[in-house]
Amino acid sequence: MAHWGIRNAVHLRVRPLQPRQLSQLIEDTRRNQLEEKNLPGLGVLLELMWQGSTESERNHMVQVLHQELQKEPAQATQATHQ
């Protein structure tokens, strides 16, 4: 039942943010990879995106994810920092 607590907390925290602020939050979390405590929040955001996406959008997300997973970890990290 604890996972619902995380979902609700993240949802309530990001709900008032504007699109630009959401983008900044994601970028800040991605850049600061040492802060692994933020990873569950990104998971909640991904879940929300997935729920609100069409099948075509989901297929696109899966293809992008698959492509990124084929890269070596250091290569994928460098690509996201450019």
C-alpha atoms as a PDB file:
ATOM      1  CA  MET A   1       0.000   0.000   0.000  1.00  0.00           C
ATOM      2  CA  ALA A   2       3.022   2.320   0.414  1.00  0.00           C
ATOM      3  CA  HIS A   3       3.348   2.764  -3.355  1.00  0.00           C
ATOM      4  CA  TRP A   4       0.008   4.602  -3.412  1.00  0.00           C
ATOM      5  CA  GLY A   5       1.450   7.038  -0.905  1.00  0.00           C
ATOM      6  CA  ILE A   6       4.338   7.812  -3.266  1.00  0.00           C
ATOM      7  CA  ARG A   7       2.014   8.165  -6.252  1.00  0.00           C
ATOM      8  CA  ASN A   8      -0.288  10.531  -4.401  1.00  0.00           C
ATOM      9  CA  ALA A   9       2.577  12.586  -2.971  1.00  0.00           C
ATOM     10  CA  VAL A  10       4.202  13.036  -6.390  1.00  0.00           C
ATOM     11  CA  HIS A  11       0.873  13.808  -8.033  1.00  0.00           C
ATOM     12  CA  LEU A  12       0.029  16.459  -5.459  1.00  0.00           C
ATOM     13  CA  ARG A  13       3.514  17.977  -5.672  1.00  0.00           C
ATOM     14  CA  VAL A  14       3.613  18.343  -9.451  1.00  0.00           C
ATOM     15  CA  ARG A  15      -0.071  19.008 -10.146  1.00  0.00           C
ATOM     16  CA  PRO A  16       0.227  22.821  -9.797  1.00  0.00           C
ATOM     17  CA  LEU A  17       3.311  23.039 -12.051  1.00  0.00           C
ATOM     18  CA  GLN A  18       3.092  24.625 -15.484  1.00  0.00           C
ATOM     19  CA  PRO A  19       4.501  22.717 -18.510  1.00  0.00           C
ATOM     20  CA  ARG A  20       7.761  24.713 -18.431  1.00  0.00           C
ATOM     21  CA  GLN A  21       8.176  23.892 -14.739  1.00  0.00           C
ATOM     22  CA  LEU A  22       7.500  20.200 -15.351  1.00  0.00           C
ATOM     23  CA  SER A  23      10.149  20.172 -18.054  1.00  0.00           C
ATOM     24  CA  GLN A  24      12.635  21.862 -15.739  1.00  0.00           C
ATOM     25  CA  LEU A  25      11.870  19.382 -12.951  1.00  0.00           C
ATOM     26  CA  ILE A  26      12.526  16.437 -15.262  1.00  0.00           C
ATOM     27  CA  GLU A  27      15.739  17.976 -16.617  1.00  0.00           C
ATOM     28  CA  ASP A  28      17.017  18.827 -13.142  1.00  0.00           C
ATOM     29  CA  THR A  29      16.334  15.292 -11.925  1.00  0.00           C
ATOM     30  CA  ARG A  30      17.975  13.763 -14.994  1.00  0.00           C
ATOM     31  CA  ARG A  31      21.089  15.942 -14.692  1.00  0.00           C
ATOM     32  CA  ASN A  32      21.501  15.288 -10.978  1.00  0.00           C
ATOM     33  CA  GLN A  33      21.830  11.522 -11.266  1.00  0.00           C
ATOM     34  CA  LEU A  34      23.287  11.245  -7.776  1.00  0.00           C
ATOM     35  CA  GLU A  35      19.862  12.028  -6.338  1.00  0.00           C
ATOM     36  CA  GLU A  36      18.382   8.571  -6.820  1.00  0.00           C
ATOM     37  CA  LYS A  37      15.682   9.427  -4.303  1.00  0.00           C
ATOM     38  CA  ASN A  38      13.961  11.289  -7.186  1.00  0.00           C
ATOM     39  CA  LEU A  39      13.714   8.225  -9.426  1.00  0.00           C
ATOM     40  CA  PRO A  40      10.388   6.964  -8.017  1.00  0.00           C
ATOM     41  CA  GLY A  41       8.884  10.352  -8.863  1.00  0.00           C
ATOM     42  CA  LEU A  42       9.979  10.014 -12.473  1.00  0.00           C
ATOM     43  CA  GLY A  43       8.381   6.584 -12.496  1.00  0.00           C
ATOM     44  CA  VAL A  44       5.092   8.114 -11.377  1.00  0.00           C
ATOM     45  CA  LEU A  45       5.339  10.743 -14.129  1.00  0.00           C
ATOM     46  CA  LEU A  46       6.039   8.024 -16.705  1.00  0.00           C
ATOM     47  CA  GLU A  47       3.015   6.109 -15.460  1.00  0.00           C
ATOM     48  CA  LEU A  48       0.829   9.203 -15.877  1.00  0.00           C
ATOM     49  CA  MET A  49       2.177   9.785 -19.382  1.00  0.00           C
ATOM     50  CA  TRP A  50       1.531   6.160 -20.281  1.00  0.00           C
ATOM     51  CA  GLN A  51      -2.048   6.311 -18.999  1.00  0.00           C
ATOM     52  CA  GLY A  52      -2.758   9.465 -20.994  1.00  0.00           C
ATOM     53  CA  SER A  53      -1.163   8.272 -24.225  1.00  0.00           C
ATOM     54  CA  THR A  54      -2.621   6.710 -27.328  1.00  0.00           C
ATOM     55  CA  GLU A  55      -1.415   3.332 -28.541  1.00  0.00           C
ATOM     56  CA  SER A  56       0.664   5.088 -31.201  1.00  0.00           C
ATOM     57  CA  GLU A  57       2.304   7.348 -28.610  1.00  0.00           C
ATOM     58  CA  ARG A  58       3.005   4.348 -26.387  1.00  0.00           C
ATOM     59  CA  ASN A  59       4.618   2.511 -29.289  1.00  0.00           C
ATOM     60  CA  HIS A  60       6.813   5.546 -29.938  1.00  0.00           C
ATOM     61  CA  MET A  61       7.866   5.739 -26.267  1.00  0.00           C
ATOM     62  CA  VAL A  62       8.737   2.049 -26.272  1.00  0.00           C
ATOM     63  CA  GLN A  63      10.794   2.420 -29.470  1.00  0.00           C
ATOM     64  CA  VAL A  64      12.748   5.373 -28.035  1.00  0.00           C
ATOM     65  CA  LEU A  65      13.324   3.486 -24.786  1.00  0.00           C
ATOM     66  CA  HIS A  66      14.470   0.401 -26.687  1.00  0.00           C
ATOM     67  CA  GLN A  67      16.926   2.460 -28.755  1.00  0.00           C
ATOM     68  CA  GLU A  68      18.374   4.080 -25.644  1.00  0.00           C
ATOM     69  CA  LEU A  69      18.735   0.723 -23.906  1.00  0.00           C
ATOM     70  CA  GLN A  70      20.850  -0.559 -26.820  1.00  0.00           C
ATOM     71  CA  LYS A  71      23.517   2.057 -26.067  1.00  0.00           C
ATOM     72  CA  GLU A  72      26.279   1.511 -23.583  1.00  0.00           C
ATOM     73  CA  PRO A  73      25.374   3.162 -20.244  1.00  0.00           C
ATOM     74  CA  ALA A  74      28.073   5.859 -20.554  1.00  0.00           C
ATOM     75  CA  GLN A  75      27.045   6.579 -24.158  1.00  0.00           C
ATOM     76  CA  ALA A  76      23.386   6.934 -23.193  1.00  0.00           C
ATOM     77  CA  THR A  77      24.284   9.279 -20.340  1.00  0.00           C
ATOM     78  CA  GLN A  78      26.422  11.446 -22.621  1.00  0.00           C
ATOM     79  CA  ALA A  79      23.675  11.623 -25.240  1.00  0.00           C
ATOM     80  CA  THR A  80      21.164  12.898 -22.707  1.00  0.00           C
ATOM     81  CA  HIS A  81      23.569  15.572 -21.443  1.00  0.00           C
ATOM     82  CA  GLN A  82      24.039  17.192 -24.855  1.00  0.00           C
END
